N, C-alpha and C. Protein backbone atom coordinates (compact mmCIF):
# COMPACT_ATOMS: atom_id res chain seq x y z
N MET A 1 0.66 -1.24 0.05
CA MET A 1 0.05 0.12 -0.13
C MET A 1 0.87 1.20 -0.14
N THR A 2 0.59 2.16 -0.93
CA THR A 2 1.47 3.47 -0.91
C THR A 2 0.50 4.49 -0.56
N PHE A 3 0.93 5.28 0.27
CA PHE A 3 0.26 6.74 0.59
C PHE A 3 1.21 7.91 0.41
N VAL A 4 0.25 8.64 -0.14
CA VAL A 4 1.52 9.96 -0.31
C VAL A 4 0.85 10.94 0.61
N ALA A 5 1.50 11.46 1.74
CA ALA A 5 0.87 12.64 2.10
C ALA A 5 1.35 13.98 2.24
N SER A 6 0.38 14.87 2.44
CA SER A 6 0.61 16.14 1.69
C SER A 6 0.29 17.25 2.77
N GLU A 7 0.97 18.22 3.01
CA GLU A 7 0.75 19.40 3.89
C GLU A 7 0.35 18.78 5.49
N GLY A 8 0.48 17.22 5.48
CA GLY A 8 0.50 17.16 6.98
C GLY A 8 -1.00 16.36 7.31
N LYS A 9 -2.00 16.67 6.26
CA LYS A 9 -3.16 16.33 6.77
C LYS A 9 -3.36 14.76 6.30
N GLY A 10 -2.70 14.28 5.26
CA GLY A 10 -2.54 12.77 5.17
C GLY A 10 -2.13 12.13 6.27
N TRP A 11 -1.38 12.80 7.07
CA TRP A 11 -0.61 11.88 8.41
C TRP A 11 -1.50 12.02 9.35
N ARG A 12 -2.60 13.18 9.50
CA ARG A 12 -3.42 13.31 10.49
C ARG A 12 -4.33 12.33 10.39
N ASP A 13 -4.82 12.22 9.09
CA ASP A 13 -5.90 11.10 8.88
C ASP A 13 -5.62 9.95 8.79
N ILE A 14 -4.26 9.33 8.96
CA ILE A 14 -3.78 8.34 9.27
C ILE A 14 -4.02 7.83 10.58
N GLY A 15 -3.33 9.04 11.17
CA GLY A 15 -3.33 9.00 12.93
C GLY A 15 -4.67 8.63 13.23
N ALA A 16 -5.79 9.60 13.03
CA ALA A 16 -7.23 9.17 13.66
C ALA A 16 -7.81 7.73 13.04
N ALA A 17 -7.29 7.37 11.82
CA ALA A 17 -7.69 6.11 11.63
C ALA A 17 -7.33 4.76 12.25
N CYS A 18 -5.84 4.99 12.61
CA CYS A 18 -5.23 3.99 13.41
C CYS A 18 -5.75 3.96 14.80
N GLY A 19 -6.05 5.46 15.47
CA GLY A 19 -6.62 5.29 16.80
C GLY A 19 -8.07 4.84 16.78
N GLU A 20 -9.05 5.12 15.74
CA GLU A 20 -10.32 4.46 15.82
C GLU A 20 -10.05 2.99 15.51
N ALA A 21 -9.29 2.33 14.67
CA ALA A 21 -9.27 0.83 14.72
C ALA A 21 -8.48 0.25 15.88
N ILE A 22 -7.47 0.69 16.18
CA ILE A 22 -7.02 0.12 17.90
C ILE A 22 -7.88 0.10 19.06
N ALA A 23 -8.98 1.17 18.90
CA ALA A 23 -10.01 1.21 19.83
C ALA A 23 -10.92 -0.06 19.82
N ASP A 24 -11.44 0.06 18.32
CA ASP A 24 -12.33 -0.86 17.93
C ASP A 24 -11.67 -2.62 18.16
N LEU A 25 -10.67 -2.86 17.85
CA LEU A 25 -9.82 -3.99 17.91
C LEU A 25 -9.86 -4.26 19.44
N LEU A 26 -9.42 -3.67 20.16
CA LEU A 26 -9.36 -3.89 21.83
C LEU A 26 -10.45 -3.98 22.42
N ILE A 27 -11.52 -3.62 22.23
CA ILE A 27 -12.71 -3.54 22.81
C ILE A 27 -13.34 -4.85 22.21
N GLU A 28 -13.38 -5.03 20.82
CA GLU A 28 -14.10 -6.69 20.29
C GLU A 28 -13.20 -7.64 21.02
N THR A 29 -11.91 -7.51 21.14
CA THR A 29 -11.11 -8.84 21.40
C THR A 29 -11.05 -8.95 22.85
N CYS A 30 -10.86 -7.97 23.76
CA CYS A 30 -10.76 -7.59 24.97
C CYS A 30 -12.13 -6.53 25.74
N PRO A 31 -13.10 -7.26 25.98
CA PRO A 31 -14.16 -6.47 26.41
C PRO A 31 -13.79 -5.70 27.69
N SER A 32 -12.86 -6.51 28.36
CA SER A 32 -13.12 -6.07 30.12
C SER A 32 -11.71 -5.32 30.21
N ILE A 33 -11.27 -5.11 29.05
CA ILE A 33 -9.56 -4.75 28.85
C ILE A 33 -9.93 -3.57 30.18
N ASP A 34 -8.77 -3.27 30.84
CA ASP A 34 -8.77 -2.05 31.69
C ASP A 34 -7.65 -0.69 31.53
N ASP A 35 -8.08 0.05 32.01
CA ASP A 35 -7.72 1.69 31.33
C ASP A 35 -5.98 1.71 31.18
N ASN A 36 -5.43 0.88 32.20
CA ASN A 36 -3.78 1.04 31.93
C ASN A 36 -3.50 0.13 30.73
N SER A 37 -4.16 -0.81 30.16
CA SER A 37 -3.86 -1.46 29.18
C SER A 37 -4.11 -1.12 27.87
N LEU A 38 -5.46 -0.36 28.13
CA LEU A 38 -5.38 0.60 26.80
C LEU A 38 -4.60 1.60 26.33
N ASP A 39 -4.05 2.12 27.92
CA ASP A 39 -3.09 3.70 27.83
C ASP A 39 -1.57 2.98 26.98
N ALA A 40 -1.15 1.51 27.59
CA ALA A 40 -0.23 0.87 27.09
C ALA A 40 -0.17 0.82 25.63
N ALA A 41 -1.55 0.26 25.40
CA ALA A 41 -1.68 -0.44 23.96
C ALA A 41 -1.66 1.05 23.09
N LEU A 42 -2.21 2.25 23.46
CA LEU A 42 -1.82 3.30 22.79
C LEU A 42 -0.52 4.05 22.57
N ARG A 43 -0.15 3.75 23.75
CA ARG A 43 1.71 4.25 23.61
C ARG A 43 2.26 3.54 22.74
N ARG A 44 2.29 2.02 22.49
CA ARG A 44 2.92 1.18 21.97
C ARG A 44 2.54 1.18 20.23
N ALA A 45 1.39 1.77 19.94
CA ALA A 45 0.88 1.87 18.88
C ALA A 45 1.30 3.15 18.17
N GLY A 46 1.69 4.54 19.02
CA GLY A 46 1.97 5.68 18.91
C GLY A 46 3.48 5.51 18.38
N LYS A 47 4.16 4.70 19.34
CA LYS A 47 5.78 4.57 19.26
C LYS A 47 6.17 3.92 17.50
N ARG A 48 5.07 3.11 17.60
CA ARG A 48 5.15 2.16 16.02
C ARG A 48 5.03 3.35 14.81
N LEU A 49 3.94 4.14 15.05
CA LEU A 49 3.64 4.92 14.33
C LEU A 49 4.45 6.16 13.66
N ARG A 50 4.94 6.64 14.74
CA ARG A 50 6.17 7.72 14.78
C ARG A 50 7.23 6.99 13.83
N THR A 51 7.77 5.75 14.40
CA THR A 51 8.68 5.34 13.64
C THR A 51 8.21 5.09 12.19
N ILE A 52 7.20 4.80 11.59
CA ILE A 52 6.90 4.39 10.23
C ILE A 52 6.61 5.58 9.60
N MET A 53 6.48 6.67 10.44
CA MET A 53 6.41 7.97 9.62
C MET A 53 7.68 8.72 9.36
N LEU A 54 8.33 8.62 10.16
CA LEU A 54 9.88 9.17 10.35
C LEU A 54 10.53 8.28 9.37
N GLU A 55 10.39 6.90 9.01
CA GLU A 55 11.20 6.10 8.03
C GLU A 55 10.59 6.53 6.44
N ARG A 56 9.11 6.96 6.65
CA ARG A 56 8.61 7.48 5.29
C ARG A 56 9.02 9.05 5.25
N GLY A 57 9.65 9.73 5.61
CA GLY A 57 10.24 10.97 5.66
C GLY A 57 9.22 12.11 6.07
N ALA A 58 8.49 11.66 7.06
CA ALA A 58 7.09 12.79 7.60
C ALA A 58 8.07 13.74 8.41
N GLN A 59 8.00 15.05 8.56
CA GLN A 59 8.74 15.87 9.50
C GLN A 59 7.94 15.72 10.79
N PRO A 60 8.76 16.41 11.66
CA PRO A 60 8.52 16.07 13.49
C PRO A 60 6.96 16.52 13.51
N PRO A 61 6.87 17.91 12.99
CA PRO A 61 5.22 18.44 13.19
C PRO A 61 4.35 17.62 12.81
N ASP A 62 4.69 16.87 11.48
CA ASP A 62 3.35 16.06 11.02
C ASP A 62 3.30 14.63 11.88
N VAL A 63 4.33 14.73 12.47
CA VAL A 63 4.28 13.40 13.49
C VAL A 63 3.58 13.53 14.61
N ALA A 64 3.78 14.56 15.27
CA ALA A 64 3.23 15.35 16.34
C ALA A 64 1.64 15.11 16.03
N ALA A 65 1.01 15.98 14.91
CA ALA A 65 -0.21 16.23 14.57
C ALA A 65 -0.90 14.68 14.28
N ALA A 66 -0.26 13.87 13.77
CA ALA A 66 -0.68 12.38 13.48
C ALA A 66 -0.75 11.85 14.77
N LEU A 67 -0.13 11.88 15.71
CA LEU A 67 -0.11 11.13 17.10
C LEU A 67 -1.39 12.05 17.92
N ASP A 68 -1.32 13.50 17.72
CA ASP A 68 -2.51 13.92 18.54
C ASP A 68 -3.74 13.12 18.03
N ALA A 69 -3.81 13.30 16.59
CA ALA A 69 -4.95 12.74 15.95
C ALA A 69 -5.32 11.26 16.19
N MET A 70 -4.38 10.61 16.55
CA MET A 70 -4.61 8.91 16.98
C MET A 70 -5.06 9.19 18.38
N THR A 71 -4.39 9.79 19.12
CA THR A 71 -5.00 9.61 20.64
C THR A 71 -6.52 10.38 20.68
N ALA A 72 -6.56 11.33 19.92
CA ALA A 72 -8.11 11.85 20.21
C ALA A 72 -9.18 10.97 19.38
N ALA A 73 -8.89 10.43 18.35
CA ALA A 73 -9.77 9.40 17.67
C ALA A 73 -9.82 8.23 18.72
N PHE A 74 -8.67 7.48 19.30
CA PHE A 74 -8.96 6.58 19.93
C PHE A 74 -9.92 6.90 21.20
N ARG A 75 -9.62 7.89 21.99
CA ARG A 75 -10.47 8.39 23.25
C ARG A 75 -11.91 8.45 22.69
N SER A 76 -11.87 9.38 21.55
CA SER A 76 -13.27 9.22 21.24
C SER A 76 -14.23 8.18 21.00
N ARG A 77 -13.72 7.26 20.09
CA ARG A 77 -14.18 6.03 19.85
C ARG A 77 -14.59 5.10 21.10
N LEU A 78 -13.58 4.87 21.87
CA LEU A 78 -13.90 4.47 23.13
C LEU A 78 -15.18 4.88 23.98
N GLN A 79 -15.12 6.40 24.15
CA GLN A 79 -16.27 6.86 24.61
C GLN A 79 -17.43 6.39 23.85
N ARG A 80 -17.35 6.51 22.52
CA ARG A 80 -18.86 5.87 21.86
C ARG A 80 -19.01 4.64 21.75
N LEU A 81 -17.80 3.90 22.15
CA LEU A 81 -18.16 2.31 22.16
C LEU A 81 -19.06 2.08 23.48
N GLU A 82 -18.45 2.86 24.43
CA GLU A 82 -18.63 2.73 26.03
C GLU A 82 -20.52 3.17 26.12
N PHE A 83 -20.73 4.30 25.31
CA PHE A 83 -21.97 4.82 25.53
C PHE A 83 -22.93 4.27 24.84
N PHE A 84 -22.76 3.37 23.51
CA PHE A 84 -23.49 2.83 22.89
C PHE A 84 -23.44 1.22 23.29
N GLY A 85 -22.17 1.04 23.84
CA GLY A 85 -21.92 -0.80 23.98
C GLY A 85 -22.98 -1.51 24.71
């Protein structure tokens, strides 16, 4: 899969998509997962996303924006899943 991010927006979109996917996957596979484990999973995913982005030539502000978007989407998705859950 090839993705070209421009002006940082593409990276933010990727970060947000990753955050939502991680939340969905964790809740589906481990419905009783505790908050500490969720936070640990988010940190590991963030480290991996950072590594991938830097390998692909992303600039530090884009990396930060993507990680922020990932965290926000992750938390938002968890709240929606808990509310409708």
